[in-house]
């Protein structure tokens, strides 16, 4: 049985003397009685907003599927979004895990369909699978996530806890967030990711790979469930995240065409690094373990990074957050701590991280 759960809050703004969503500049009745020629916009009341919800859901929900993957004895479930009429479905890398064959249940019902792995981009927690029988699949449209604004209403669609076709609502709470993943049922696949959409819409286990949708019925992000605070390791209730649609479409195109992503488009120092601690066990910087082959950089193994462009860096997560604010090709000032306690600053040109 397919269930649709809508957690919507509609304000009885009429009690406040104004319809929900009405333009505060809209002239009142007196403007019309005096013969004013001002064009009066139609006020948007609660029922109009509800209609927007229903249209957005009707447009996208048939494109949200349930994915079951098996890797050895392990079975996991998640969500996916029908990308095209060839049978490509986008989901999270942690949903597919190490599996290569899957069962896909369409939102429109019917028997489960078999699917195979097309490609995985673990660094961004994205993957593409392809249904063997694409007949009847309903592709959906991806919007421009760069145009999102804080406060914008969004809907989260997926299959939490096996409740297929569930929908929750919320707003865009933040943009360009950098967080640490805690993937459900699998080893962490992307210790730190930047550029994410933060939303107040409820995201639960099983929603992973589902759709974050605006009221125009455009997918603006791919949901990521079970995120934790990078500093405390605690779950973040009421704070969900999604991978922006512009990132998703760029990655999916490469996975469909080549089966892999060789460059992420994210800035990188070209080194392998780890958090170092002082003699009291407190994080005190990021130590360079080695430089990537072929990388030309002033950094050397043994260097300890304590700041990037004046942003303090005490942990590897701090460094990832600082890098998320840059683009490949940018120049950045790196402050290094020496054994005698002195510091020096060097300028490096940022490269791009590799793919899988």
C-alpha atoms as a PDB file:
ATOM      1  CA  UNK A   1       0.000   0.000   0.000  1.00  0.00           C
ATOM      2  CA  UNK A   2       1.387   3.412  -0.926  1.00  0.00           C
ATOM      3  CA  UNK A   3       1.121   6.106   1.709  1.00  0.00           C
ATOM      4  CA  UNK A   4       1.492   9.858   1.324  1.00  0.00           C
ATOM      5  CA  UNK A   5       2.275  11.779   4.490  1.00  0.00           C
ATOM      6  CA  UNK A   6       2.145  15.565   4.282  1.00  0.00           C
ATOM      7  CA  UNK A   7       3.360  17.515   7.286  1.00  0.00           C
ATOM      8  CA  UNK A   8       2.092  20.992   6.353  1.00  0.00           C
ATOM      9  CA  UNK A   9       1.516  23.983   8.587  1.00  0.00           C
ATOM     10  CA  UNK A  10      -1.001  26.480   7.289  1.00  0.00           C
ATOM     11  CA  UNK A  11      -1.354  29.742   9.194  1.00  0.00           C
ATOM     12  CA  UNK A  12      -4.837  31.204   9.653  1.00  0.00           C
ATOM     13  CA  UNK A  13      -3.581  34.588   8.589  1.00  0.00           C
ATOM     14  CA  UNK A  14      -7.123  35.885   8.209  1.00  0.00           C
ATOM     15  CA  UNK A  15      -7.151  36.204  12.018  1.00  0.00           C
ATOM     16  CA  UNK A  16      -4.337  38.704  11.585  1.00  0.00           C
ATOM     17  CA  UNK A  17      -6.310  40.647   8.994  1.00  0.00           C
ATOM     18  CA  UNK A  18      -4.272  39.472   6.000  1.00  0.00           C
ATOM     19  CA  UNK A  19      -4.259  36.378   3.786  1.00  0.00           C
ATOM     20  CA  UNK A  20      -1.208  34.119   3.961  1.00  0.00           C
ATOM     21  CA  UNK A  21       1.215  35.113   1.245  1.00  0.00           C
ATOM     22  CA  UNK A  22      -0.565  38.368   0.402  1.00  0.00           C
ATOM     23  CA  UNK A  23       1.648  41.192  -0.772  1.00  0.00           C
ATOM     24  CA  UNK A  24       1.934  43.715   2.084  1.00  0.00           C
ATOM     25  CA  UNK A  25       1.833  46.449  -0.571  1.00  0.00           C
ATOM     26  CA  UNK A  26      -1.529  45.259  -1.983  1.00  0.00           C
ATOM     27  CA  UNK A  27      -4.082  48.142  -1.931  1.00  0.00           C
ATOM     28  CA  UNK A  28      -7.149  47.569   0.213  1.00  0.00           C
ATOM     29  CA  UNK A  29     -10.802  47.908  -0.788  1.00  0.00           C
ATOM     30  CA  UNK A  30     -10.695  51.673  -0.341  1.00  0.00           C
ATOM     31  CA  UNK A  31      -8.301  51.935  -3.277  1.00  0.00           C
ATOM     32  CA  UNK A  32     -10.904  50.386  -5.528  1.00  0.00           C
ATOM     33  CA  UNK A  33     -13.796  52.500  -4.203  1.00  0.00           C
ATOM     34  CA  UNK A  34     -11.938  55.721  -4.953  1.00  0.00           C
ATOM     35  CA  UNK A  35     -11.366  54.635  -8.524  1.00  0.00           C
ATOM     36  CA  UNK A  36      -7.655  53.899  -8.164  1.00  0.00           C
ATOM     37  CA  UNK A  37      -6.143  52.403 -11.321  1.00  0.00           C
ATOM     38  CA  UNK A  38      -3.498  50.479  -9.369  1.00  0.00           C
ATOM     39  CA  UNK A  39      -3.279  46.826 -10.495  1.00  0.00           C
ATOM     40  CA  UNK A  40      -4.196  44.688  -7.507  1.00  0.00           C
ATOM     41  CA  UNK A  41      -2.433  41.282  -7.263  1.00  0.00           C
ATOM     42  CA  UNK A  42      -4.565  38.357  -6.237  1.00  0.00           C
ATOM     43  CA  UNK A  43      -3.964  37.537  -2.569  1.00  0.00           C
ATOM     44  CA  UNK A  44      -2.674  34.000  -1.967  1.00  0.00           C
ATOM     45  CA  UNK A  45      -4.569  32.371   0.868  1.00  0.00           C
ATOM     46  CA  UNK A  46      -4.061  29.006   2.637  1.00  0.00           C
ATOM     47  CA  UNK A  47      -6.007  27.060   0.012  1.00  0.00           C
ATOM     48  CA  UNK A  48      -3.825  28.473  -2.759  1.00  0.00           C
ATOM     49  CA  UNK A  49      -0.685  27.437  -0.893  1.00  0.00           C
ATOM     50  CA  UNK A  50      -2.175  23.977  -0.344  1.00  0.00           C
ATOM     51  CA  UNK A  51      -2.803  23.734  -4.090  1.00  0.00           C
ATOM     52  CA  UNK A  52       0.888  24.532  -4.689  1.00  0.00           C
ATOM     53  CA  UNK A  53       1.849  21.687  -2.346  1.00  0.00           C
ATOM     54  CA  UNK A  54      -0.457  19.259  -4.110  1.00  0.00           C
ATOM     55  CA  UNK A  55       0.777  20.231  -7.585  1.00  0.00           C
ATOM     56  CA  UNK A  56       4.427  19.876  -6.564  1.00  0.00           C
ATOM     57  CA  UNK A  57       3.774  16.469  -5.036  1.00  0.00           C
ATOM     58  CA  UNK A  58       1.770  15.243  -8.038  1.00  0.00           C
ATOM     59  CA  UNK A  59       4.548  16.313 -10.388  1.00  0.00           C
ATOM     60  CA  UNK A  60       7.498  14.657  -8.615  1.00  0.00           C
ATOM     61  CA  UNK A  61       6.263  11.846  -6.362  1.00  0.00           C
ATOM     62  CA  UNK A  62       5.670   9.381  -9.258  1.00  0.00           C
ATOM     63  CA  UNK A  63       9.394   9.749 -10.058  1.00  0.00           C
ATOM     64  CA  UNK A  64      10.595   8.773  -6.560  1.00  0.00           C
ATOM     65  CA  UNK A  65      11.364   5.050  -6.268  1.00  0.00           C
ATOM     66  CA  UNK A  66      12.290   2.656  -3.491  1.00  0.00           C
ATOM     67  CA  UNK A  67      15.618   0.837  -3.876  1.00  0.00           C
ATOM     68  CA  UNK A  68      16.588  -2.418  -2.160  1.00  0.00           C
ATOM     69  CA  UNK A  69      20.245  -3.449  -2.347  1.00  0.00           C
ATOM     70  CA  UNK A  70      21.890  -6.671  -1.196  1.00  0.00           C
ATOM     71  CA  UNK A  71      25.576  -7.025  -0.416  1.00  0.00           C
ATOM     72  CA  UNK A  72      26.297 -10.480   0.995  1.00  0.00           C
ATOM     73  CA  UNK A  73      23.898 -10.968   3.893  1.00  0.00           C
ATOM     74  CA  UNK A  74      23.317  -7.245   4.256  1.00  0.00           C
ATOM     75  CA  UNK A  75      20.102  -5.730   2.913  1.00  0.00           C
ATOM     76  CA  UNK A  76      19.526  -1.993   2.842  1.00  0.00           C
ATOM     77  CA  UNK A  77      16.739   0.215   1.579  1.00  0.00           C
ATOM     78  CA  UNK A  78      16.721   3.751   0.300  1.00  0.00           C
ATOM     79  CA  UNK A  79      15.194   6.025  -2.276  1.00  0.00           C
ATOM     80  CA  UNK A  80      16.018   7.185  -5.776  1.00  0.00           C
ATOM     81  CA  UNK A  81      14.834   9.625  -8.446  1.00  0.00           C
ATOM     82  CA  UNK A  82      14.054   8.651 -12.038  1.00  0.00           C
ATOM     83  CA  UNK A  83      16.484  10.725 -14.112  1.00  0.00           C
ATOM     84  CA  UNK A  84      15.511   9.867 -17.700  1.00  0.00           C
ATOM     85  CA  UNK A  85      13.326   7.556 -19.793  1.00  0.00           C
ATOM     86  CA  UNK A  86      16.283   5.219 -20.426  1.00  0.00           C
ATOM     87  CA  UNK A  87      15.918   3.904 -16.888  1.00  0.00           C
ATOM     88  CA  UNK A  88      18.691   5.840 -15.110  1.00  0.00           C
ATOM     89  CA  UNK A  89      17.988   6.493 -11.448  1.00  0.00           C
ATOM     90  CA  UNK A  90      20.055   8.757  -9.204  1.00  0.00           C
ATOM     91  CA  UNK A  91      20.551   7.886  -5.542  1.00  0.00           C
ATOM     92  CA  UNK A  92      23.195   8.029  -2.798  1.00  0.00           C
ATOM     93  CA  UNK A  93      26.415   6.022  -2.909  1.00  0.00           C
ATOM     94  CA  UNK A  94      25.682   4.754   0.590  1.00  0.00           C
ATOM     95  CA  UNK A  95      22.321   3.416  -0.596  1.00  0.00           C
ATOM     96  CA  UNK A  96      23.933   1.163  -3.206  1.00  0.00           C
ATOM     97  CA  UNK A  97      26.845   0.240  -0.921  1.00  0.00           C
ATOM     98  CA  UNK A  98      28.954  -2.499  -2.467  1.00  0.00           C
ATOM     99  CA  UNK A  99      26.046  -4.050  -4.378  1.00  0.00           C
ATOM    100  CA  UNK A 100      25.822  -4.180  -8.166  1.00  0.00           C
ATOM    101  CA  UNK A 101      22.279  -5.501  -8.592  1.00  0.00           C
ATOM    102  CA  UNK A 102      19.132  -4.011  -7.098  1.00  0.00           C
ATOM    103  CA  UNK A 103      15.370  -4.197  -6.882  1.00  0.00           C
ATOM    104  CA  UNK A 104      13.424  -1.047  -7.647  1.00  0.00           C
ATOM    105  CA  UNK A 105       9.803  -0.474  -6.662  1.00  0.00           C
ATOM    106  CA  UNK A 106       8.067   2.291  -8.598  1.00  0.00           C
ATOM    107  CA  UNK A 107       5.826   4.767  -6.801  1.00  0.00           C
ATOM    108  CA  UNK A 108       3.107   3.882  -9.288  1.00  0.00           C
ATOM    109  CA  UNK A 109       3.105   0.271  -8.077  1.00  0.00           C
ATOM    110  CA  UNK A 110       3.642  -3.044  -9.847  1.00  0.00           C
ATOM    111  CA  UNK A 111       6.216  -5.759  -9.300  1.00  0.00           C
ATOM    112  CA  UNK A 112       9.784  -4.864  -8.290  1.00  0.00           C
ATOM    113  CA  UNK A 113      12.147  -4.348 -11.231  1.00  0.00           C
ATOM    114  CA  UNK A 114      15.764  -5.401 -11.401  1.00  0.00           C
ATOM    115  CA  UNK A 115      18.463  -2.787 -11.887  1.00  0.00           C
ATOM    116  CA  UNK A 116      22.231  -2.727 -12.243  1.00  0.00           C
ATOM    117  CA  UNK A 117      24.935  -0.336 -11.123  1.00  0.00           C
ATOM    118  CA  UNK A 118      26.087   2.294 -13.649  1.00  0.00           C
ATOM    119  CA  UNK A 119      28.572   4.218 -11.538  1.00  0.00           C
ATOM    120  CA  UNK A 120      29.372   5.502  -8.050  1.00  0.00           C
ATOM    121  CA  UNK A 121      30.856   8.791  -6.920  1.00  0.00           C
ATOM    122  CA  UNK A 122      31.719   8.072  -3.296  1.00  0.00           C
ATOM    123  CA  UNK A 123      33.379  11.425  -2.658  1.00  0.00           C
ATOM    124  CA  UNK A 124      29.998  13.131  -3.188  1.00  0.00           C
ATOM    125  CA  UNK A 125      27.742  10.280  -1.975  1.00  0.00           C
ATOM    126  CA  UNK A 126      26.052   9.920  -5.368  1.00  0.00           C
ATOM    127  CA  UNK A 127      25.383   6.906  -7.570  1.00  0.00           C
ATOM    128  CA  UNK A 128      23.440   5.977 -10.690  1.00  0.00           C
ATOM    129  CA  UNK A 129      21.690   2.669 -11.322  1.00  0.00           C
ATOM    130  CA  UNK A 130      19.714   1.618 -14.397  1.00  0.00           C
ATOM    131  CA  UNK A 131      16.460  -0.330 -14.435  1.00  0.00           C
ATOM    132  CA  UNK A 132      16.495  -3.245 -16.873  1.00  0.00           C
ATOM    133  CA  UNK A 133      12.894  -2.539 -17.926  1.00  0.00           C
ATOM    134  CA  UNK A 134      12.368   1.253 -18.178  1.00  0.00           C
ATOM    135  CA  UNK A 135       8.785   1.069 -19.464  1.00  0.00           C
ATOM    136  CA  UNK A 136       6.430   3.260 -17.480  1.00  0.00           C
ATOM    137  CA  UNK A 137       9.162   5.172 -15.656  1.00  0.00           C
ATOM    138  CA  UNK A 138       8.353   8.832 -15.089  1.00  0.00           C
ATOM    139  CA  UNK A 139      11.415  11.119 -15.293  1.00  0.00           C
ATOM    140  CA  UNK A 140      11.273  14.409 -13.427  1.00  0.00           C
ATOM    141  CA  UNK A 141      12.844  17.813 -13.896  1.00  0.00           C
ATOM    142  CA  UNK A 142      15.838  19.150 -11.962  1.00  0.00           C
ATOM    143  CA  UNK A 143      15.813  22.840 -11.104  1.00  0.00           C
ATOM    144  CA  UNK A 144      18.550  25.422 -10.651  1.00  0.00           C
ATOM    145  CA  UNK A 145      19.725  25.008  -7.056  1.00  0.00           C
ATOM    146  CA  UNK A 146      21.824  28.183  -7.319  1.00  0.00           C
ATOM    147  CA  UNK A 147      18.574  30.147  -7.227  1.00  0.00           C
ATOM    148  CA  UNK A 148      17.433  28.765  -3.872  1.00  0.00           C
ATOM    149  CA  UNK A 149      16.858  31.269  -1.084  1.00  0.00           C
ATOM    150  CA  UNK A 150      16.783  30.836   2.668  1.00  0.00           C
ATOM    151  CA  UNK A 151      13.161  30.673   3.800  1.00  0.00           C
ATOM    152  CA  UNK A 152      11.924  29.066   0.573  1.00  0.00           C
ATOM    153  CA  UNK A 153       9.386  26.266   1.128  1.00  0.00           C
ATOM    154  CA  UNK A 154      10.594  22.806   0.089  1.00  0.00           C
ATOM    155  CA  UNK A 155       9.239  19.245   0.240  1.00  0.00           C
ATOM    156  CA  UNK A 156      11.197  16.082   1.033  1.00  0.00           C
ATOM    157  CA  UNK A 157       9.984  12.958  -0.796  1.00  0.00           C
ATOM    158  CA  UNK A 158      11.183   9.419  -0.181  1.00  0.00           C
ATOM    159  CA  UNK A 159      10.547   6.116   1.565  1.00  0.00           C
ATOM    160  CA  UNK A 160      11.473   6.454   5.261  1.00  0.00           C
ATOM    161  CA  UNK A 161      11.261   3.224   7.250  1.00  0.00           C
ATOM    162  CA  UNK A 162       9.651   1.554   4.226  1.00  0.00           C
ATOM    163  CA  UNK A 163       6.718   3.986   4.161  1.00  0.00           C
ATOM    164  CA  UNK A 164       6.696   4.479   0.406  1.00  0.00           C
ATOM    165  CA  UNK A 165       5.712   7.792  -1.090  1.00  0.00           C
ATOM    166  CA  UNK A 166       6.113   9.845   2.093  1.00  0.00           C
ATOM    167  CA  UNK A 167       6.300  13.632   1.975  1.00  0.00           C
ATOM    168  CA  UNK A 168       7.374  16.141   4.603  1.00  0.00           C
ATOM    169  CA  UNK A 169       7.704  19.895   4.328  1.00  0.00           C
ATOM    170  CA  UNK A 170       9.969  22.631   5.606  1.00  0.00           C
ATOM    171  CA  UNK A 171      12.057  25.526   4.422  1.00  0.00           C
ATOM    172  CA  UNK A 172      15.569  26.056   3.133  1.00  0.00           C
ATOM    173  CA  UNK A 173      17.352  26.742   6.424  1.00  0.00           C
ATOM    174  CA  UNK A 174      20.838  27.343   5.049  1.00  0.00           C
ATOM    175  CA  UNK A 175      23.022  27.100   1.972  1.00  0.00           C
ATOM    176  CA  UNK A 176      26.600  25.994   1.257  1.00  0.00           C
ATOM    177  CA  UNK A 177      26.795  23.961   4.456  1.00  0.00           C
ATOM    178  CA  UNK A 178      29.764  21.717   5.204  1.00  0.00           C
ATOM    179  CA  UNK A 179      28.928  18.675   7.342  1.00  0.00           C
ATOM    180  CA  UNK A 180      30.171  15.217   8.243  1.00  0.00           C
ATOM    181  CA  UNK A 181      28.302  12.195   6.920  1.00  0.00           C
ATOM    182  CA  UNK A 182      27.207   9.216   8.958  1.00  0.00           C
ATOM    183  CA  UNK A 183      25.804   6.915   6.300  1.00  0.00           C
ATOM    184  CA  UNK A 184      23.050   4.554   7.353  1.00  0.00           C
ATOM    185  CA  UNK A 185      24.117   0.936   7.503  1.00  0.00           C
ATOM    186  CA  UNK A 186      27.444   1.528   5.777  1.00  0.00           C
ATOM    187  CA  UNK A 187      30.903   2.816   6.479  1.00  0.00           C
ATOM    188  CA  UNK A 188      31.136   6.589   6.176  1.00  0.00           C
ATOM    189  CA  UNK A 189      31.485   7.315   2.476  1.00  0.00           C
ATOM    190  CA  UNK A 190      32.220  11.034   2.484  1.00  0.00           C
ATOM    191  CA  UNK A 191      33.744  12.170   5.792  1.00  0.00           C
ATOM    192  CA  UNK A 192      33.116  15.798   4.937  1.00  0.00           C
ATOM    193  CA  UNK A 193      31.025  17.387   2.199  1.00  0.00           C
ATOM    194  CA  UNK A 194      30.538  21.039   1.344  1.00  0.00           C
ATOM    195  CA  UNK A 195      28.007  23.102  -0.554  1.00  0.00           C
ATOM    196  CA  UNK A 196      24.992  21.266   0.886  1.00  0.00           C
ATOM    197  CA  UNK A 197      21.445  22.582   1.269  1.00  0.00           C
ATOM    198  CA  UNK A 198      20.178  22.626   4.847  1.00  0.00           C
ATOM    199  CA  UNK A 199      16.438  22.115   5.329  1.00  0.00           C
ATOM    200  CA  UNK A 200      13.990  21.829   8.202  1.00  0.00           C
ATOM    201  CA  UNK A 201      11.994  19.177   6.302  1.00  0.00           C
ATOM    202  CA  UNK A 202      12.181  15.875   8.187  1.00  0.00           C
ATOM    203  CA  UNK A 203      14.650  13.403   6.638  1.00  0.00           C
ATOM    204  CA  UNK A 204      14.750   9.902   8.115  1.00  0.00           C
ATOM    205  CA  UNK A 205      16.481   6.575   7.328  1.00  0.00           C
ATOM    206  CA  UNK A 206      15.133   5.365   3.993  1.00  0.00           C
ATOM    207  CA  UNK A 207      14.785   8.920   2.667  1.00  0.00           C
ATOM    208  CA  UNK A 208      18.395   8.810   1.452  1.00  0.00           C
ATOM    209  CA  UNK A 209      18.475   9.362  -2.308  1.00  0.00           C
ATOM    210  CA  UNK A 210      15.021  10.920  -2.325  1.00  0.00           C
ATOM    211  CA  UNK A 211      14.025  14.309  -3.680  1.00  0.00           C
ATOM    212  CA  UNK A 212      14.092  17.790  -2.189  1.00  0.00           C
ATOM    213  CA  UNK A 213      11.484  19.662  -4.235  1.00  0.00           C
ATOM    214  CA  UNK A 214      10.383  23.289  -4.561  1.00  0.00           C
ATOM    215  CA  UNK A 215       6.746  24.316  -4.943  1.00  0.00           C
ATOM    216  CA  UNK A 216       7.208  24.626  -8.699  1.00  0.00           C
ATOM    217  CA  UNK A 217       7.678  20.853  -8.778  1.00  0.00           C
ATOM    218  CA  UNK A 218      11.403  20.949  -9.565  1.00  0.00           C
ATOM    219  CA  UNK A 219      13.934  18.698  -7.828  1.00  0.00           C
ATOM    220  CA  UNK A 220      16.423  21.070  -6.199  1.00  0.00           C
ATOM    221  CA  UNK A 221      18.409  18.478  -4.266  1.00  0.00           C
ATOM    222  CA  UNK A 222      19.003  14.813  -3.435  1.00  0.00           C
ATOM    223  CA  UNK A 223      18.351  13.979   0.210  1.00  0.00           C
ATOM    224  CA  UNK A 224      21.060  12.678   2.529  1.00  0.00           C
ATOM    225  CA  UNK A 225      19.836  11.116   5.778  1.00  0.00           C
ATOM    226  CA  UNK A 226      21.533  10.359   9.106  1.00  0.00           C
ATOM    227  CA  UNK A 227      23.935  13.248   9.370  1.00  0.00           C
ATOM    228  CA  UNK A 228      25.891  13.958  12.527  1.00  0.00           C
ATOM    229  CA  UNK A 229      27.610  16.917  14.073  1.00  0.00           C
ATOM    230  CA  UNK A 230      31.243  16.697  12.969  1.00  0.00           C
ATOM    231  CA  UNK A 231      32.457  17.926  16.370  1.00  0.00           C
ATOM    232  CA  UNK A 232      30.229  16.016  18.811  1.00  0.00           C
ATOM    233  CA  UNK A 233      29.143  12.979  16.773  1.00  0.00           C
ATOM    234  CA  UNK A 234      25.515  13.582  17.818  1.00  0.00           C
ATOM    235  CA  UNK A 235      22.532  13.292  15.473  1.00  0.00           C
ATOM    236  CA  UNK A 236      21.125  16.606  14.287  1.00  0.00           C
ATOM    237  CA  UNK A 237      17.341  16.424  14.864  1.00  0.00           C
ATOM    238  CA  UNK A 238      15.306  18.773  12.713  1.00  0.00           C
ATOM    239  CA  UNK A 239      18.315  19.584  10.553  1.00  0.00           C
ATOM    240  CA  UNK A 240      18.410  17.788   7.218  1.00  0.00           C
ATOM    241  CA  UNK A 241      20.723  18.150   4.253  1.00  0.00           C
ATOM    242  CA  UNK A 242      20.554  17.631   0.507  1.00  0.00           C
ATOM    243  CA  UNK A 243      23.081  17.598  -2.320  1.00  0.00           C
ATOM    244  CA  UNK A 244      22.285  20.563  -4.644  1.00  0.00           C
ATOM    245  CA  UNK A 245      20.624  19.700  -7.961  1.00  0.00           C
ATOM    246  CA  UNK A 246      23.326  21.489  -9.971  1.00  0.00           C
ATOM    247  CA  UNK A 247      25.966  19.252  -8.407  1.00  0.00           C
ATOM    248  CA  UNK A 248      23.786  16.189  -8.956  1.00  0.00           C
ATOM    249  CA  UNK A 249      23.162  16.796 -12.661  1.00  0.00           C
ATOM    250  CA  UNK A 250      26.846  17.487 -13.312  1.00  0.00           C
ATOM    251  CA  UNK A 251      27.898  14.258 -11.587  1.00  0.00           C
ATOM    252  CA  UNK A 252      25.101  12.155 -13.087  1.00  0.00           C
ATOM    253  CA  UNK A 253      26.022  13.198 -16.627  1.00  0.00           C
ATOM    254  CA  UNK A 254      29.573  11.991 -16.061  1.00  0.00           C
ATOM    255  CA  UNK A 255      28.454   8.738 -14.451  1.00  0.00           C
ATOM    256  CA  UNK A 256      26.048   7.993 -17.311  1.00  0.00           C
ATOM    257  CA  UNK A 257      28.620   8.823 -19.986  1.00  0.00           C
ATOM    258  CA  UNK A 258      31.775   7.342 -18.413  1.00  0.00           C
ATOM    259  CA  UNK A 259      30.716   5.360 -15.351  1.00  0.00           C
ATOM    260  CA  UNK A 260      33.019   7.429 -13.126  1.00  0.00           C
ATOM    261  CA  UNK A 261      33.895  10.949 -12.039  1.00  0.00           C
ATOM    262  CA  UNK A 262      37.571  11.800 -12.376  1.00  0.00           C
ATOM    263  CA  UNK A 263      37.362  15.358 -11.015  1.00  0.00           C
ATOM    264  CA  UNK A 264      35.052  16.736  -8.366  1.00  0.00           C
ATOM    265  CA  UNK A 265      35.237  20.440  -9.106  1.00  0.00           C
ATOM    266  CA  UNK A 266      36.101  21.050  -5.447  1.00  0.00           C
ATOM    267  CA  UNK A 267      39.238  22.822  -4.282  1.00  0.00           C
ATOM    268  CA  UNK A 268      42.045  20.708  -2.863  1.00  0.00           C
ATOM    269  CA  UNK A 269      45.546  21.205  -1.474  1.00  0.00           C
ATOM    270  CA  UNK A 270      46.875  18.100  -3.207  1.00  0.00           C
ATOM    271  CA  UNK A 271      47.943  16.446   0.056  1.00  0.00           C
ATOM    272  CA  UNK A 272      46.892  13.621   2.351  1.00  0.00           C
ATOM    273  CA  UNK A 273      46.504  15.082   5.812  1.00  0.00           C
ATOM    274  CA  UNK A 274      45.289  14.141   9.285  1.00  0.00           C
ATOM    275  CA  UNK A 275      44.468  15.872  12.551  1.00  0.00           C
ATOM    276  CA  UNK A 276      47.424  16.132  14.945  1.00  0.00           C
ATOM    277  CA  UNK A 277      47.157  16.642  18.703  1.00  0.00           C
ATOM    278  CA  UNK A 278      49.316  18.357  21.297  1.00  0.00           C
ATOM    279  CA  UNK A 279      50.759  16.630  24.357  1.00  0.00           C
ATOM    280  CA  UNK A 280      47.463  17.166  26.179  1.00  0.00           C
ATOM    281  CA  UNK A 281      45.543  15.301  23.472  1.00  0.00           C
ATOM    282  CA  UNK A 282      43.891  18.409  22.070  1.00  0.00           C
ATOM    283  CA  UNK A 283      43.613  18.980  18.288  1.00  0.00           C
ATOM    284  CA  UNK A 284      46.305  21.454  17.298  1.00  0.00           C
ATOM    285  CA  UNK A 285      46.440  21.429  13.507  1.00  0.00           C
ATOM    286  CA  UNK A 286      46.441  19.294  10.382  1.00  0.00           C
ATOM    287  CA  UNK A 287      49.593  17.379   9.556  1.00  0.00           C
ATOM    288  CA  UNK A 288      50.640  16.739   5.951  1.00  0.00           C
ATOM    289  CA  UNK A 289      51.241  13.007   5.544  1.00  0.00           C
ATOM    290  CA  UNK A 290      52.178  13.038   1.850  1.00  0.00           C
ATOM    291  CA  UNK A 291      51.628  15.032  -1.311  1.00  0.00           C
ATOM    292  CA  UNK A 292      49.703  13.663  -4.276  1.00  0.00           C
ATOM    293  CA  UNK A 293      51.774  12.296  -7.119  1.00  0.00           C
ATOM    294  CA  UNK A 294      52.465  14.956  -9.726  1.00  0.00           C
ATOM    295  CA  UNK A 295      51.348  17.795  -7.471  1.00  0.00           C
ATOM    296  CA  UNK A 296      53.526  20.902  -7.435  1.00  0.00           C
ATOM    297  CA  UNK A 297      53.169  22.498  -4.010  1.00  0.00           C
ATOM    298  CA  UNK A 298      55.221  24.236  -1.369  1.00  0.00           C
ATOM    299  CA  UNK A 299      53.754  21.899   1.250  1.00  0.00           C
ATOM    300  CA  UNK A 300      55.857  18.971   2.457  1.00  0.00           C
ATOM    301  CA  UNK A 301      55.242  15.873   4.603  1.00  0.00           C
ATOM    302  CA  UNK A 302      55.594  16.863   8.249  1.00  0.00           C
ATOM    303  CA  UNK A 303      54.168  20.350   7.778  1.00  0.00           C
ATOM    304  CA  UNK A 304      51.397  21.242  10.243  1.00  0.00           C
ATOM    305  CA  UNK A 305      48.652  23.519   8.867  1.00  0.00           C
ATOM    306  CA  UNK A 306      47.023  25.799  11.450  1.00  0.00           C
ATOM    307  CA  UNK A 307      45.181  28.290   9.218  1.00  0.00           C
ATOM    308  CA  UNK A 308      43.921  28.729   5.659  1.00  0.00           C
ATOM    309  CA  UNK A 309      43.394  32.316   4.533  1.00  0.00           C
ATOM    310  CA  UNK A 310      43.269  33.445   8.191  1.00  0.00           C
ATOM    311  CA  UNK A 311      40.643  30.811   9.065  1.00  0.00           C
ATOM    312  CA  UNK A 312      41.941  28.756  12.026  1.00  0.00           C
ATOM    313  CA  UNK A 313      42.428  25.059  11.243  1.00  0.00           C
ATOM    314  CA  UNK A 314      42.650  22.651  14.182  1.00  0.00           C
ATOM    315  CA  UNK A 315      41.192  19.485  12.615  1.00  0.00           C
ATOM    316  CA  UNK A 316      40.897  17.837   9.206  1.00  0.00           C
ATOM    317  CA  UNK A 317      37.209  18.788   9.263  1.00  0.00           C
ATOM    318  CA  UNK A 318      38.184  22.441   9.805  1.00  0.00           C
ATOM    319  CA  UNK A 319      40.452  22.240   6.761  1.00  0.00           C
ATOM    320  CA  UNK A 320      37.676  20.703   4.635  1.00  0.00           C
ATOM    321  CA  UNK A 321      35.273  23.467   5.654  1.00  0.00           C
ATOM    322  CA  UNK A 322      37.835  26.143   4.830  1.00  0.00           C
ATOM    323  CA  UNK A 323      38.529  24.595   1.412  1.00  0.00           C
ATOM    324  CA  UNK A 324      34.790  24.422   0.652  1.00  0.00           C
ATOM    325  CA  UNK A 325      34.780  28.219   0.397  1.00  0.00           C
ATOM    326  CA  UNK A 326      37.320  28.104  -2.472  1.00  0.00           C
ATOM    327  CA  UNK A 327      37.383  26.976  -6.079  1.00  0.00           C
ATOM    328  CA  UNK A 328      40.106  25.109  -7.983  1.00  0.00           C
ATOM    329  CA  UNK A 329      42.678  27.566  -9.252  1.00  0.00           C
ATOM    330  CA  UNK A 330      42.296  29.965  -6.319  1.00  0.00           C
ATOM    331  CA  UNK A 331      45.379  31.099  -4.440  1.00  0.00           C
ATOM    332  CA  UNK A 332      45.278  30.554  -0.679  1.00  0.00           C
ATOM    333  CA  UNK A 333      47.524  31.513   2.203  1.00  0.00           C
ATOM    334  CA  UNK A 334      48.504  28.520   4.347  1.00  0.00           C
ATOM    335  CA  UNK A 335      49.891  29.141   7.834  1.00  0.00           C
ATOM    336  CA  UNK A 336      52.305  26.461   9.061  1.00  0.00           C
ATOM    337  CA  UNK A 337      53.312  25.701  12.654  1.00  0.00           C
ATOM    338  CA  UNK A 338      56.930  24.710  13.307  1.00  0.00           C
ATOM    339  CA  UNK A 339      58.327  22.534  16.145  1.00  0.00           C
ATOM    340  CA  UNK A 340      59.791  25.578  17.921  1.00  0.00           C
ATOM    341  CA  UNK A 341      56.334  27.188  18.053  1.00  0.00           C
ATOM    342  CA  UNK A 342      56.951  29.734  15.319  1.00  0.00           C
ATOM    343  CA  UNK A 343      54.724  30.052  12.270  1.00  0.00           C
ATOM    344  CA  UNK A 344      55.263  30.951   8.637  1.00  0.00           C
ATOM    345  CA  UNK A 345      52.834  31.586   5.806  1.00  0.00           C
ATOM    346  CA  UNK A 346      53.101  30.297   2.268  1.00  0.00           C
ATOM    347  CA  UNK A 347      50.824  30.825  -0.715  1.00  0.00           C
ATOM    348  CA  UNK A 348      49.609  27.813  -2.691  1.00  0.00           C
ATOM    349  CA  UNK A 349      47.452  27.420  -5.783  1.00  0.00           C
ATOM    350  CA  UNK A 350      44.545  25.077  -5.125  1.00  0.00           C
ATOM    351  CA  UNK A 351      43.892  22.121  -7.399  1.00  0.00           C
ATOM    352  CA  UNK A 352      40.824  19.895  -7.567  1.00  0.00           C
ATOM    353  CA  UNK A 353      40.097  16.690  -5.733  1.00  0.00           C
ATOM    354  CA  UNK A 354      39.966  13.442  -7.654  1.00  0.00           C
ATOM    355  CA  UNK A 355      36.825  11.430  -8.188  1.00  0.00           C
ATOM    356  CA  UNK A 356      36.112   8.079  -6.586  1.00  0.00           C
END
